[in-house]
PDB file of N, CA and C in Angstrom:
ATOM      1  N   MET A   1     -63.269 -56.680 -83.606  1.00  0.00           N
ATOM      2  CA  MET A   1     -62.991 -57.479 -84.340  1.00  0.00           C
ATOM      3  C   MET A   1     -63.921 -58.974 -84.042  1.00  0.00           C
ATOM      4  N   VAL A   2     -64.656 -59.367 -85.053  1.00  0.00           N
ATOM      5  CA  VAL A   2     -66.023 -60.459 -84.042  1.00  0.00           C
ATOM      6  C   VAL A   2     -65.658 -61.467 -85.400  1.00  0.00           C
ATOM      7  N   ASP A   3     -65.716 -62.767 -85.416  1.00  0.00           N
ATOM      8  CA  ASP A   3     -65.396 -64.022 -85.564  1.00  0.00           C
ATOM      9  C   ASP A   3     -65.793 -65.085 -84.424  1.00  0.00           C
ATOM     10  N   TYR A   4     -66.744 -66.245 -84.654  1.00  0.00           N
ATOM     11  CA  TYR A   4     -67.468 -66.689 -83.892  1.00  0.00           C
ATOM     12  C   TYR A   4     -66.071 -68.129 -83.603  1.00  0.00           C
ATOM     13  N   GLU A   5     -64.998 -68.146 -84.603  1.00  0.00           N
ATOM     14  CA  GLU A   5     -64.617 -69.212 -83.948  1.00  0.00           C
ATOM     15  C   GLU A   5     -62.929 -68.620 -82.881  1.00  0.00           C
ATOM     16  N   LEU A   6     -63.092 -69.033 -81.627  1.00  0.00           N
ATOM     17  CA  LEU A   6     -62.710 -68.306 -81.268  1.00  0.00           C
ATOM     18  C   LEU A   6     -60.406 -68.757 -81.060  1.00  0.00           C
ATOM     19  N   ALA A   7     -60.190 -69.239 -82.320  1.00  0.00           N
ATOM     20  CA  ALA A   7     -59.343 -69.192 -82.120  1.00  0.00           C
ATOM     21  C   ALA A   7     -58.260 -68.551 -83.535  1.00  0.00           C
ATOM     22  N   VAL A   8     -59.503 -67.932 -84.058  1.00  0.00           N
ATOM     23  CA  VAL A   8     -58.898 -66.866 -85.243  1.00  0.00           C
ATOM     24  C   VAL A   8     -59.172 -66.212 -84.286  1.00  0.00           C
ATOM     25  N   LEU A   9     -60.221 -65.845 -83.034  1.00  0.00           N
ATOM     26  CA  LEU A   9     -60.650 -64.231 -82.592  1.00  0.00           C
ATOM     27  C   LEU A   9     -59.399 -63.922 -81.883  1.00  0.00           C
ATOM     28  N   THR A  10     -58.617 -65.825 -80.802  1.00  0.00           N
ATOM     29  CA  THR A  10     -57.425 -64.410 -80.022  1.00  0.00           C
ATOM     30  C   THR A  10     -55.904 -65.031 -80.970  1.00  0.00           C
ATOM     31  N   TYR A  11     -56.347 -64.659 -82.074  1.00  0.00           N
ATOM     32  CA  TYR A  11     -55.390 -64.795 -83.298  1.00  0.00           C
ATOM     33  C   TYR A  11     -54.766 -63.515 -83.878  1.00  0.00           C
ATOM     34  N   VAL A  12     -55.983 -63.289 -84.200  1.00  0.00           N
ATOM     35  CA  VAL A  12     -56.070 -62.209 -84.621  1.00  0.00           C
ATOM     36  C   VAL A  12     -56.176 -60.994 -83.295  1.00  0.00           C
ATOM     37  N   GLY A  13     -56.105 -61.070 -82.589  1.00  0.00           N
ATOM     38  CA  GLY A  13     -56.530 -60.045 -80.985  1.00  0.00           C
ATOM     39  C   GLY A  13     -54.961 -59.497 -80.536  1.00  0.00           C
ATOM     40  N   ILE A  14     -53.940 -61.121 -80.720  1.00  0.00           N
ATOM     41  CA  ILE A  14     -52.932 -61.137 -80.118  1.00  0.00           C
ATOM     42  C   ILE A  14     -52.085 -60.284 -81.723  1.00  0.00           C
ATOM     43  N   VAL A  15     -52.113 -60.391 -82.483  1.00  0.00           N
ATOM     44  CA  VAL A  15     -51.707 -59.759 -84.203  1.00  0.00           C
ATOM     45  C   VAL A  15     -51.340 -58.277 -83.439  1.00  0.00           C
ATOM     46  N   LEU A  16     -52.655 -57.833 -83.556  1.00  0.00           N
ATOM     47  CA  LEU A  16     -53.031 -56.973 -83.488  1.00  0.00           C
ATOM     48  C   LEU A  16     -52.278 -55.890 -81.939  1.00  0.00           C
ATOM     49  N   ARG A  17     -52.827 -56.217 -81.777  1.00  0.00           N
ATOM     50  CA  ARG A  17     -52.569 -56.119 -79.803  1.00  0.00           C
ATOM     51  C   ARG A  17     -50.924 -55.501 -80.493  1.00  0.00           C
ATOM     52  N   ARG A  18     -50.054 -56.602 -80.335  1.00  0.00           N
ATOM     53  CA  ARG A  18     -48.682 -56.572 -80.433  1.00  0.00           C
ATOM     54  C   ARG A  18     -48.236 -55.684 -81.406  1.00  0.00           C
ATOM     55  N   ASN A  19     -48.859 -54.681 -82.021  1.00  0.00           N
ATOM     56  CA  ASN A  19     -48.641 -53.677 -83.227  1.00  0.00           C
ATOM     57  C   ASN A  19     -49.364 -52.575 -82.862  1.00  0.00           C
ATOM     58  N   GLY A  20     -49.384 -52.272 -81.053  1.00  0.00           N
ATOM     59  CA  GLY A  20     -49.768 -51.547 -80.951  1.00  0.00           C
ATOM     60  C   GLY A  20     -51.658 -51.244 -80.917  1.00  0.00           C
ATOM     61  N   TYR A  21     -52.539 -52.152 -82.082  1.00  0.00           N
ATOM     62  CA  TYR A  21     -52.992 -51.833 -82.126  1.00  0.00           C
ATOM     63  C   TYR A  21     -54.550 -52.115 -80.478  1.00  0.00           C
ATOM     64  N   VAL A  22     -55.557 -51.349 -80.477  1.00  0.00           N
ATOM     65  CA  VAL A  22     -56.328 -51.117 -79.915  1.00  0.00           C
ATOM     66  C   VAL A  22     -57.968 -53.063 -80.115  1.00  0.00           C
ATOM     67  N   VAL A  23     -58.203 -53.288 -79.729  1.00  0.00           N
ATOM     68  CA  VAL A  23     -58.880 -54.476 -80.623  1.00  0.00           C
ATOM     69  C   VAL A  23     -60.155 -54.307 -78.852  1.00  0.00           C
ATOM     70  N   ILE A  24     -61.184 -54.840 -79.952  1.00  0.00           N
ATOM     71  CA  ILE A  24     -63.158 -55.536 -79.194  1.00  0.00           C
ATOM     72  C   ILE A  24     -63.057 -56.197 -79.464  1.00  0.00           C
ATOM     73  N   GLU A  25     -63.022 -57.710 -79.184  1.00  0.00           N
ATOM     74  CA  GLU A  25     -62.886 -59.066 -79.187  1.00  0.00           C
ATOM     75  C   GLU A  25     -64.284 -59.171 -79.445  1.00  0.00           C
ATOM     76  N   ALA A  26     -65.552 -60.019 -79.919  1.00  0.00           N
ATOM     77  CA  ALA A  26     -66.574 -60.463 -79.524  1.00  0.00           C
ATOM     78  C   ALA A  26     -67.156 -61.727 -80.438  1.00  0.00           C
ATOM     79  N   SER A  27     -67.166 -62.695 -80.193  1.00  0.00           N
ATOM     80  CA  SER A  27     -67.501 -63.952 -81.014  1.00  0.00           C
ATOM     81  C   SER A  27     -68.776 -64.443 -81.698  1.00  0.00           C
ATOM     82  N   THR A  28     -70.556 -63.309 -80.877  1.00  0.00           N
ATOM     83  CA  THR A  28     -70.911 -63.272 -82.605  1.00  0.00           C
ATOM     84  C   THR A  28     -71.002 -61.632 -82.672  1.00  0.00           C
ATOM     85  N   ALA A  29     -71.906 -61.522 -83.820  1.00  0.00           N
ATOM     86  CA  ALA A  29     -72.353 -59.987 -84.564  1.00  0.00           C
ATOM     87  C   ALA A  29     -72.850 -59.512 -82.862  1.00  0.00           C
ATOM     88  N   LYS A  30     -73.271 -60.046 -82.399  1.00  0.00           N
ATOM     89  CA  LYS A  30     -74.901 -59.572 -81.516  1.00  0.00           C
ATOM     90  C   LYS A  30     -74.282 -58.871 -80.103  1.00  0.00           C
ATOM     91  N   THR A  31     -73.027 -59.607 -79.920  1.00  0.00           N
ATOM     92  CA  THR A  31     -72.141 -59.012 -78.531  1.00  0.00           C
ATOM     93  C   THR A  31     -71.462 -57.333 -79.547  1.00  0.00           C
ATOM     94  N   GLY A  32     -71.119 -58.269 -80.697  1.00  0.00           N
ATOM     95  CA  GLY A  32     -69.849 -57.269 -81.392  1.00  0.00           C
ATOM     96  C   GLY A  32     -70.623 -55.657 -81.611  1.00  0.00           C
ATOM     97  N   LEU A  33     -71.765 -55.519 -82.247  1.00  0.00           N
ATOM     98  CA  LEU A  33     -72.517 -54.741 -82.207  1.00  0.00           C
ATOM     99  C   LEU A  33     -72.832 -54.076 -80.856  1.00  0.00           C
ATOM    100  N   ASN A  34     -73.146 -54.142 -79.974  1.00  0.00           N
ATOM    101  CA  ASN A  34     -72.959 -54.437 -78.368  1.00  0.00           C
ATOM    102  C   ASN A  34     -72.722 -53.737 -78.194  1.00  0.00           C
ATOM    103  N   SER A  35     -70.671 -53.849 -78.803  1.00  0.00           N
ATOM    104  CA  SER A  35     -69.740 -53.403 -78.154  1.00  0.00           C
ATOM    105  C   SER A  35     -69.621 -52.311 -78.812  1.00  0.00           C
ATOM    106  N   ALA A  36     -69.843 -51.895 -79.967  1.00  0.00           N
ATOM    107  CA  ALA A  36     -69.087 -51.040 -80.603  1.00  0.00           C
ATOM    108  C   ALA A  36     -70.315 -49.545 -80.518  1.00  0.00           C
ATOM    109  N   LEU A  37     -71.877 -50.208 -80.131  1.00  0.00           N
ATOM    110  CA  LEU A  37     -72.340 -49.223 -79.175  1.00  0.00           C
ATOM    111  C   LEU A  37     -72.240 -48.561 -78.298  1.00  0.00           C
ATOM    112  N   LYS A  38     -71.566 -48.783 -77.377  1.00  0.00           N
ATOM    113  CA  LYS A  38     -71.129 -48.827 -76.334  1.00  0.00           C
ATOM    114  C   LYS A  38     -69.816 -48.334 -76.304  1.00  0.00           C
ATOM    115  N   SER A  39     -68.906 -48.021 -77.406  1.00  0.00           N
ATOM    116  CA  SER A  39     -67.080 -48.523 -76.837  1.00  0.00           C
ATOM    117  C   SER A  39     -67.621 -46.677 -77.325  1.00  0.00           C
ATOM    118  N   GLU A  40     -66.262 -45.870 -76.002  1.00  0.00           N
ATOM    119  CA  GLU A  40     -66.522 -44.758 -76.189  1.00  0.00           C
ATOM    120  C   GLU A  40     -65.058 -44.172 -77.019  1.00  0.00           C
ATOM    121  N   ALA A  41     -64.431 -44.676 -77.496  1.00  0.00           N
ATOM    122  CA  ALA A  41     -63.621 -44.363 -78.888  1.00  0.00           C
ATOM    123  C   ALA A  41     -64.584 -44.346 -79.884  1.00  0.00           C
ATOM    124  N   GLN A  42     -64.125 -43.620 -81.556  1.00  0.00           N
ATOM    125  CA  GLN A  42     -64.625 -44.023 -82.519  1.00  0.00           C
ATOM    126  C   GLN A  42     -63.554 -44.974 -82.564  1.00  0.00           C
ATOM    127  N   ILE A  43     -64.879 -45.737 -83.018  1.00  0.00           N
ATOM    128  CA  ILE A  43     -64.219 -47.564 -83.844  1.00  0.00           C
ATOM    129  C   ILE A  43     -63.845 -46.744 -85.567  1.00  0.00           C
ATOM    130  N   GLN A  44     -62.206 -47.165 -85.700  1.00  0.00           N
ATOM    131  CA  GLN A  44     -61.627 -46.937 -87.316  1.00  0.00           C
ATOM    132  C   GLN A  44     -62.471 -47.925 -88.237  1.00  0.00           C
ATOM    133  N   LEU A  45     -61.757 -49.438 -87.359  1.00  0.00           N
ATOM    134  CA  LEU A  45     -61.656 -50.825 -88.903  1.00  0.00           C
ATOM    135  C   LEU A  45     -62.431 -51.749 -87.647  1.00  0.00           C
ATOM    136  N   LEU A  46     -63.655 -52.153 -88.829  1.00  0.00           N
ATOM    137  CA  LEU A  46     -64.719 -53.524 -88.156  1.00  0.00           C
ATOM    138  C   LEU A  46     -63.439 -54.965 -88.831  1.00  0.00           C
ATOM    139  N   ILE A  47     -63.017 -55.295 -88.724  1.00  0.00           N
ATOM    140  CA  ILE A  47     -62.457 -57.146 -88.696  1.00  0.00           C
ATOM    141  C   ILE A  47     -63.947 -57.705 -88.123  1.00  0.00           C
ATOM    142  N   THR A  48     -64.488 -58.156 -89.995  1.00  0.00           N
ATOM    143  CA  THR A  48     -65.853 -59.566 -89.320  1.00  0.00           C
ATOM    144  C   THR A  48     -65.209 -60.444 -90.404  1.00  0.00           C
ATOM    145  N   GLU A  49     -65.930 -61.776 -89.841  1.00  0.00           N
ATOM    146  CA  GLU A  49     -65.703 -62.705 -89.894  1.00  0.00           C
ATOM    147  C   GLU A  49     -67.955 -62.770 -90.924  1.00  0.00           C
ATOM    148  N   VAL A  50     -67.283 -63.257 -92.027  1.00  0.00           N
ATOM    149  CA  VAL A  50     -68.550 -63.367 -92.745  1.00  0.00           C
ATOM    150  C   VAL A  50     -69.436 -64.333 -93.261  1.00  0.00           C
ATOM    151  N   ALA A  51     -69.329 -65.132 -93.124  1.00  0.00           N
ATOM    152  CA  ALA A  51     -70.099 -66.167 -92.761  1.00  0.00           C
ATOM    153  C   ALA A  51     -70.301 -66.664 -90.467  1.00  0.00           C
ATOM    154  N   MET A  52     -71.206 -66.025 -90.231  1.00  0.00           N
ATOM    155  CA  MET A  52     -71.515 -66.262 -88.942  1.00  0.00           C
ATOM    156  C   MET A  52     -72.364 -66.551 -88.350  1.00  0.00           C
ATOM    157  N   PRO A  53     -73.292 -67.412 -87.274  1.00  0.00           N
ATOM    158  CA  PRO A  53     -74.420 -67.408 -87.198  1.00  0.00           C
ATOM    159  C   PRO A  53     -75.609 -66.191 -86.747  1.00  0.00           C
ATOM    160  N   LEU A  54     -76.209 -66.550 -86.888  1.00  0.00           N
ATOM    161  CA  LEU A  54     -77.924 -65.376 -86.847  1.00  0.00           C
ATOM    162  C   LEU A  54     -77.460 -64.653 -87.381  1.00  0.00           C
ATOM    163  N   MET A  55     -75.759 -63.896 -87.685  1.00  0.00           N
ATOM    164  CA  MET A  55     -75.928 -62.126 -88.534  1.00  0.00           C
ATOM    165  C   MET A  55     -74.432 -62.455 -88.963  1.00  0.00           C
ATOM    166  N   ALA A  56     -74.772 -62.659 -90.231  1.00  0.00           N
ATOM    167  CA  ALA A  56     -74.174 -62.572 -91.631  1.00  0.00           C
ATOM    168  C   ALA A  56     -73.321 -61.461 -90.813  1.00  0.00           C
ATOM    169  N   GLY A  57     -71.314 -61.193 -91.323  1.00  0.00           N
ATOM    170  CA  GLY A  57     -70.680 -59.511 -90.779  1.00  0.00           C
ATOM    171  C   GLY A  57     -70.845 -58.766 -92.077  1.00  0.00           C
ATOM    172  N   LEU A  58     -71.840 -58.852 -93.389  1.00  0.00           N
ATOM    173  CA  LEU A  58     -72.295 -57.971 -94.401  1.00  0.00           C
ATOM    174  C   LEU A  58     -73.672 -56.758 -93.451  1.00  0.00           C
ATOM    175  N   SER A  59     -73.968 -58.233 -92.425  1.00  0.00           N
ATOM    176  CA  SER A  59     -75.259 -57.204 -92.029  1.00  0.00           C
ATOM    177  C   SER A  59     -74.708 -56.749 -91.458  1.00  0.00           C
ATOM    178  N   LEU A  60     -74.300 -57.029 -89.657  1.00  0.00           N
ATOM    179  CA  LEU A  60     -73.482 -56.311 -89.206  1.00  0.00           C
ATOM    180  C   LEU A  60     -72.687 -55.334 -89.482  1.00  0.00           C
ATOM    181  N   ALA A  61     -72.427 -55.338 -90.639  1.00  0.00           N
ATOM    182  CA  ALA A  61     -71.575 -53.761 -91.390  1.00  0.00           C
ATOM    183  C   ALA A  61     -72.105 -52.953 -91.684  1.00  0.00           C
ATOM    184  N   ARG A  62     -73.438 -53.265 -91.638  1.00  0.00           N
ATOM    185  CA  ARG A  62     -74.392 -51.719 -92.130  1.00  0.00           C
ATOM    186  C   ARG A  62     -74.705 -51.531 -91.455  1.00  0.00           C
ATOM    187  N   LYS A  63     -74.917 -53.042 -89.851  1.00  0.00           N
ATOM    188  CA  LYS A  63     -75.396 -52.205 -88.268  1.00  0.00           C
ATOM    189  C   LYS A  63     -75.072 -51.411 -87.751  1.00  0.00           C
ATOM    190  N   ILE A  64     -73.631 -50.814 -87.963  1.00  0.00           N
ATOM    191  CA  ILE A  64     -73.113 -50.557 -87.571  1.00  0.00           C
ATOM    192  C   ILE A  64     -72.503 -48.827 -88.122  1.00  0.00           C
ATOM    193  N   ARG A  65     -73.017 -48.836 -89.183  1.00  0.00           N
ATOM    194  CA  ARG A  65     -72.920 -47.843 -89.844  1.00  0.00           C
ATOM    195  C   ARG A  65     -73.855 -47.141 -90.062  1.00  0.00           C
ATOM    196  N   LEU A  66     -74.751 -47.736 -89.779  1.00  0.00           N
ATOM    197  CA  LEU A  66     -75.929 -46.501 -88.863  1.00  0.00           C
ATOM    198  C   LEU A  66     -75.571 -45.454 -88.583  1.00  0.00           C
ATOM    199  N   PHE A  67     -74.942 -46.096 -87.597  1.00  0.00           N
ATOM    200  CA  PHE A  67     -74.599 -45.055 -86.354  1.00  0.00           C
ATOM    201  C   PHE A  67     -72.383 -44.498 -86.717  1.00  0.00           C
ATOM    202  N   ASN A  68     -71.337 -45.088 -87.292  1.00  0.00           N
ATOM    203  CA  ASN A  68     -70.587 -45.304 -88.211  1.00  0.00           C
ATOM    204  C   ASN A  68     -70.462 -45.241 -89.085  1.00  0.00           C
ATOM    205  N   PRO A  69     -70.100 -44.552 -89.822  1.00  0.00           N
ATOM    206  CA  PRO A  69     -70.601 -44.860 -91.171  1.00  0.00           C
ATOM    207  C   PRO A  69     -69.151 -44.511 -92.109  1.00  0.00           C
ATOM    208  N   GLU A  70     -68.276 -43.739 -91.630  1.00  0.00           N
ATOM    209  CA  GLU A  70     -67.002 -43.406 -91.770  1.00  0.00           C
ATOM    210  C   GLU A  70     -66.196 -44.905 -91.678  1.00  0.00           C
ATOM    211  N   VAL A  71     -66.791 -46.513 -91.037  1.00  0.00           N
ATOM    212  CA  VAL A  71     -66.266 -47.289 -90.225  1.00  0.00           C
ATOM    213  C   VAL A  71     -65.745 -48.091 -91.561  1.00  0.00           C
ATOM    214  N   ALA A  72     -64.478 -48.127 -91.311  1.00  0.00           N
ATOM    215  CA  ALA A  72     -63.575 -49.472 -92.874  1.00  0.00           C
ATOM    216  C   ALA A  72     -64.448 -50.867 -91.846  1.00  0.00           C
ATOM    217  N   VAL A  73     -64.110 -51.353 -93.175  1.00  0.00           N
ATOM    218  CA  VAL A  73     -64.594 -53.488 -93.032  1.00  0.00           C
ATOM    219  C   VAL A  73     -64.125 -54.648 -93.045  1.00  0.00           C
ATOM    220  N   LEU A  74     -63.284 -55.123 -92.673  1.00  0.00           N
ATOM    221  CA  LEU A  74     -62.367 -55.885 -92.370  1.00  0.00           C
ATOM    222  C   LEU A  74     -62.978 -57.022 -93.012  1.00  0.00           C
ATOM    223  N   PHE A  75     -63.704 -57.602 -94.016  1.00  0.00           N
ATOM    224  CA  PHE A  75     -64.328 -58.650 -94.529  1.00  0.00           C
ATOM    225  C   PHE A  75     -63.250 -60.294 -94.095  1.00  0.00           C
ATOM    226  N   ILE A  76     -63.594 -60.418 -93.437  1.00  0.00           N
ATOM    227  CA  ILE A  76     -62.700 -62.630 -93.600  1.00  0.00           C
ATOM    228  C   ILE A  76     -62.816 -63.569 -93.199  1.00  0.00           C
ATOM    229  N   SER A  77     -62.668 -64.938 -94.255  1.00  0.00           N
ATOM    230  CA  SER A  77     -63.230 -65.885 -94.909  1.00  0.00           C
ATOM    231  C   SER A  77     -62.503 -66.560 -95.674  1.00  0.00           C
ATOM    232  N   GLY A  78     -62.888 -67.754 -94.958  1.00  0.00           N
ATOM    233  CA  GLY A  78     -62.385 -69.013 -95.417  1.00  0.00           C
ATOM    234  C   GLY A  78     -62.807 -69.079 -96.806  1.00  0.00           C
ATOM    235  N   GLN A  79     -63.249 -68.770 -97.543  1.00  0.00           N
ATOM    236  CA  GLN A  79     -64.123 -68.769 -98.114  1.00  0.00           C
ATOM    237  C   GLN A  79     -63.547 -68.213 -99.992  1.00  0.00           C
ATOM    238  N   PRO A  80     -63.024 -68.362-101.198  1.00  0.00           N
ATOM    239  CA  PRO A  80     -63.438 -67.298-102.215  1.00  0.00           C
ATOM    240  C   PRO A  80     -64.335 -65.500-101.867  1.00  0.00           C
ATOM    241  N   ARG A  81     -63.578 -64.703-102.597  1.00  0.00           N
ATOM    242  CA  ARG A  81     -64.681 -63.691-102.276  1.00  0.00           C
ATOM    243  C   ARG A  81     -65.699 -63.881-103.033  1.00  0.00           C
ATOM    244  N   SER A  82     -66.523 -63.479-102.468  1.00  0.00           N
ATOM    245  CA  SER A  82     -68.143 -63.599-104.156  1.00  0.00           C
ATOM    246  C   SER A  82     -68.140 -61.779-104.297  1.00  0.00           C
ATOM    247  N   ASP A  83     -69.184 -61.852-105.154  1.00  0.00           N
ATOM    248  CA  ASP A  83     -70.093 -61.111-106.059  1.00  0.00           C
ATOM    249  C   ASP A  83     -70.154 -59.855-104.715  1.00  0.00           C
ATOM    250  N   GLU A  84     -70.924 -60.177-103.642  1.00  0.00           N
ATOM    251  CA  GLU A  84     -71.409 -59.218-102.903  1.00  0.00           C
ATOM    252  C   GLU A  84     -71.044 -58.673-101.783  1.00  0.00           C
ATOM    253  N   PHE A  85     -69.998 -58.742-102.077  1.00  0.00           N
ATOM    254  CA  PHE A  85     -68.672 -57.840-101.710  1.00  0.00           C
ATOM    255  C   PHE A  85     -68.355 -56.476-102.594  1.00  0.00           C
ATOM    256  N   GLN A  86     -68.594 -56.395-103.744  1.00  0.00           N
ATOM    257  CA  GLN A  86     -67.924 -55.533-105.095  1.00  0.00           C
ATOM    258  C   GLN A  86     -69.111 -54.617-104.340  1.00  0.00           C
ATOM    259  N   GLY A  87     -68.217 -53.160-104.519  1.00  0.00           N
ATOM    260  CA  GLY A  87     -68.892 -52.022-103.970  1.00  0.00           C
ATOM    261  C   GLY A  87     -69.207 -51.871-103.127  1.00  0.00           C
ATOM    262  N   ILE A  88     -68.338 -52.517-101.911  1.00  0.00           N
ATOM    263  CA  ILE A  88     -69.195 -52.075-100.479  1.00  0.00           C
ATOM    264  C   ILE A  88     -67.368 -51.668 -99.957  1.00  0.00           C
ATOM    265  N   ALA A  89     -68.310 -49.937-100.281  1.00  0.00           N
ATOM    266  CA  ALA A  89     -67.418 -48.363-100.078  1.00  0.00           C
ATOM    267  C   ALA A  89     -66.265 -48.709 -99.030  1.00  0.00           C
ATOM    268  N   ASN A  90     -64.998 -48.294 -99.129  1.00  0.00           N
ATOM    269  CA  ASN A  90     -64.673 -48.828 -97.755  1.00  0.00           C
ATOM    270  C   ASN A  90     -63.889 -50.174 -96.759  1.00  0.00           C
ATOM    271  N   SER A  91     -64.139 -51.022 -97.521  1.00  0.00           N
ATOM    272  CA  SER A  91     -63.853 -52.652 -97.861  1.00  0.00           C
ATOM    273  C   SER A  91     -62.995 -53.406 -97.931  1.00  0.00           C
ATOM    274  N   ALA A  92     -62.526 -54.069 -97.605  1.00  0.00           N
ATOM    275  CA  ALA A  92     -61.402 -54.988 -98.421  1.00  0.00           C
ATOM    276  C   ALA A  92     -61.897 -56.560 -97.994  1.00  0.00           C
ATOM    277  N   TYR A  93     -60.904 -57.541 -98.039  1.00  0.00           N
ATOM    278  CA  TYR A  93     -61.280 -59.316 -98.253  1.00  0.00           C
ATOM    279  C   TYR A  93     -60.389 -60.040 -98.085  1.00  0.00           C
ATOM    280  N   LEU A  94     -60.167 -60.562 -97.350  1.00  0.00           N
ATOM    281  CA  LEU A  94     -58.672 -61.147 -96.618  1.00  0.00           C
ATOM    282  C   LEU A  94     -59.438 -62.493 -96.430  1.00  0.00           C
ATOM    283  N   GLU A  95     -58.761 -63.374 -97.406  1.00  0.00           N
ATOM    284  CA  GLU A  95     -58.517 -65.260 -97.194  1.00  0.00           C
ATOM    285  C   GLU A  95     -58.274 -65.435 -96.130  1.00  0.00           C
ATOM    286  N   LYS A  96     -58.624 -66.381 -96.132  1.00  0.00           N
ATOM    287  CA  LYS A  96     -58.535 -67.399 -94.036  1.00  0.00           C
ATOM    288  C   LYS A  96     -57.233 -69.010 -94.918  1.00  0.00           C
ATOM    289  N   PRO A  97     -56.665 -68.729 -94.628  1.00  0.00           N
ATOM    290  CA  PRO A  97     -55.499 -68.724 -93.592  1.00  0.00           C
ATOM    291  C   PRO A  97     -54.453 -67.423 -94.264  1.00  0.00           C
ATOM    292  N   PHE A  98     -54.509 -66.658 -93.185  1.00  0.00           N
ATOM    293  CA  PHE A  98     -53.351 -65.427 -93.107  1.00  0.00           C
ATOM    294  C   PHE A  98     -52.477 -65.263 -92.617  1.00  0.00           C
ATOM    295  N   SER A  99     -51.222 -64.586 -92.797  1.00  0.00           N
ATOM    296  CA  SER A  99     -50.535 -64.655 -92.313  1.00  0.00           C
ATOM    297  C   SER A  99     -50.220 -63.094 -91.410  1.00  0.00           C
ATOM    298  N   PRO A 100     -50.013 -63.851 -90.117  1.00  0.00           N
ATOM    299  CA  PRO A 100     -49.484 -61.667 -89.657  1.00  0.00           C
ATOM    300  C   PRO A 100     -48.642 -60.606 -90.603  1.00  0.00           C
ATOM    301  N   THR A 101     -48.657 -60.929 -91.717  1.00  0.00           N
ATOM    302  CA  THR A 101     -47.992 -59.629 -92.587  1.00  0.00           C
ATOM    303  C   THR A 101     -48.934 -59.825 -93.896  1.00  0.00           C
ATOM    304  N   GLN A 102     -50.099 -60.013 -93.642  1.00  0.00           N
ATOM    305  CA  GLN A 102     -51.158 -60.543 -94.281  1.00  0.00           C
ATOM    306  C   GLN A 102     -51.861 -60.000 -93.769  1.00  0.00           C
ATOM    307  N   LEU A 103     -52.229 -59.754 -92.798  1.00  0.00           N
ATOM    308  CA  LEU A 103     -53.291 -59.306 -91.858  1.00  0.00           C
ATOM    309  C   LEU A 103     -52.682 -57.541 -91.262  1.00  0.00           C
ATOM    310  N   LEU A 104     -51.862 -57.650 -90.923  1.00  0.00           N
ATOM    311  CA  LEU A 104     -51.315 -55.992 -90.479  1.00  0.00           C
ATOM    312  C   LEU A 104     -50.899 -55.623 -91.998  1.00  0.00           C
ATOM    313  N   GLU A 105     -50.499 -56.010 -92.686  1.00  0.00           N
ATOM    314  CA  GLU A 105     -50.683 -54.775 -94.321  1.00  0.00           C
ATOM    315  C   GLU A 105     -52.204 -54.134 -93.951  1.00  0.00           C
ATOM    316  N   VAL A 106     -52.547 -55.183 -94.862  1.00  0.00           N
ATOM    317  CA  VAL A 106     -54.236 -54.722 -94.800  1.00  0.00           C
ATOM    318  C   VAL A 106     -54.918 -53.948 -93.515  1.00  0.00           C
ATOM    319  N   VAL A 107     -54.134 -54.203 -92.253  1.00  0.00           N
ATOM    320  CA  VAL A 107     -55.303 -53.391 -91.880  1.00  0.00           C
ATOM    321  C   VAL A 107     -54.630 -51.972 -91.263  1.00  0.00           C
ATOM    322  N   GLN A 108     -53.266 -51.846 -91.799  1.00  0.00           N
ATOM    323  CA  GLN A 108     -52.524 -50.679 -91.983  1.00  0.00           C
ATOM    324  C   GLN A 108     -53.418 -49.696 -93.508  1.00  0.00           C
ATOM    325  N   ARG A 109     -53.219 -50.206 -93.890  1.00  0.00           N
ATOM    326  CA  ARG A 109     -53.951 -49.821 -95.852  1.00  0.00           C
ATOM    327  C   ARG A 109     -55.013 -49.135 -95.179  1.00  0.00           C
ATOM    328  N   MET A 110     -56.357 -49.612 -94.751  1.00  0.00           N
ATOM    329  CA  MET A 110     -57.091 -49.490 -94.380  1.00  0.00           C
ATOM    330  C   MET A 110     -57.651 -48.331 -92.969  1.00  0.00           C
ATOM    331  N   ILE A 111     -56.329 -48.349 -92.177  1.00  0.00           N
ATOM    332  CA  ILE A 111     -56.461 -47.096 -91.417  1.00  0.00           C
ATOM    333  C   ILE A 111     -55.905 -46.091 -91.292  1.00  0.00           C
ATOM    334  N   ASN A 112     -54.992 -46.553 -92.736  1.00  0.00           N
ATOM    335  CA  ASN A 112     -54.493 -44.577 -92.480  1.00  0.00           C
ATOM    336  C   ASN A 112     -54.899 -44.063 -94.472  1.00  0.00           C
ATOM    337  N   ASP A 113     -55.574 -45.114 -94.809  1.00  0.00           N
ATOM    338  CA  ASP A 113     -56.441 -44.775 -96.058  1.00  0.00           C
ATOM    339  C   ASP A 113     -57.873 -45.703 -96.737  1.00  0.00           C
ATOM    340  N   PRO A 114     -58.563 -45.078 -95.391  1.00  0.00           N
ATOM    341  CA  PRO A 114     -59.915 -46.575 -95.862  1.00  0.00           C
ATOM    342  C   PRO A 114     -60.295 -46.402 -97.251  1.00  0.00           C
ATOM    343  N   LYS A 115     -60.205 -45.334 -97.955  1.00  0.00           N
ATOM    344  CA  LYS A 115     -60.984 -45.290 -98.646  1.00  0.00           C
ATOM    345  C   LYS A 115     -60.103 -46.122-100.235  1.00  0.00           C
ATOM    346  N   LEU A 116     -59.414 -46.652-100.165  1.00  0.00           N
ATOM    347  CA  LEU A 116     -58.339 -47.646-101.028  1.00  0.00           C
ATOM    348  C   LEU A 116     -59.302 -48.199-101.229  1.00  0.00           C
TER     349      LEU A 116
END
């Protein structure tokens, strides 16, 4: 989970952990990339804010997919979905604000069948 907004990072982390998920949190794309590279476990899902300082979520996803091409990606943003996310395999887009139920539905779907 990568988001520069501490409140969102904390909120998503709490929701996912309370529902049995293991979460690696990062407040910058660089830290998220480094954490993904160092992780001993295969990361199944990257949740990333779209617009972050220094490296956008789309760039982060592309870099992580260089060494983990099957990782599903959930892009989150306070802005409506743009065309730049059309056709990105194994990805979804969730507009902020979202409820715990909305988040969990998307996460469960993506982990169970990321090709949807």
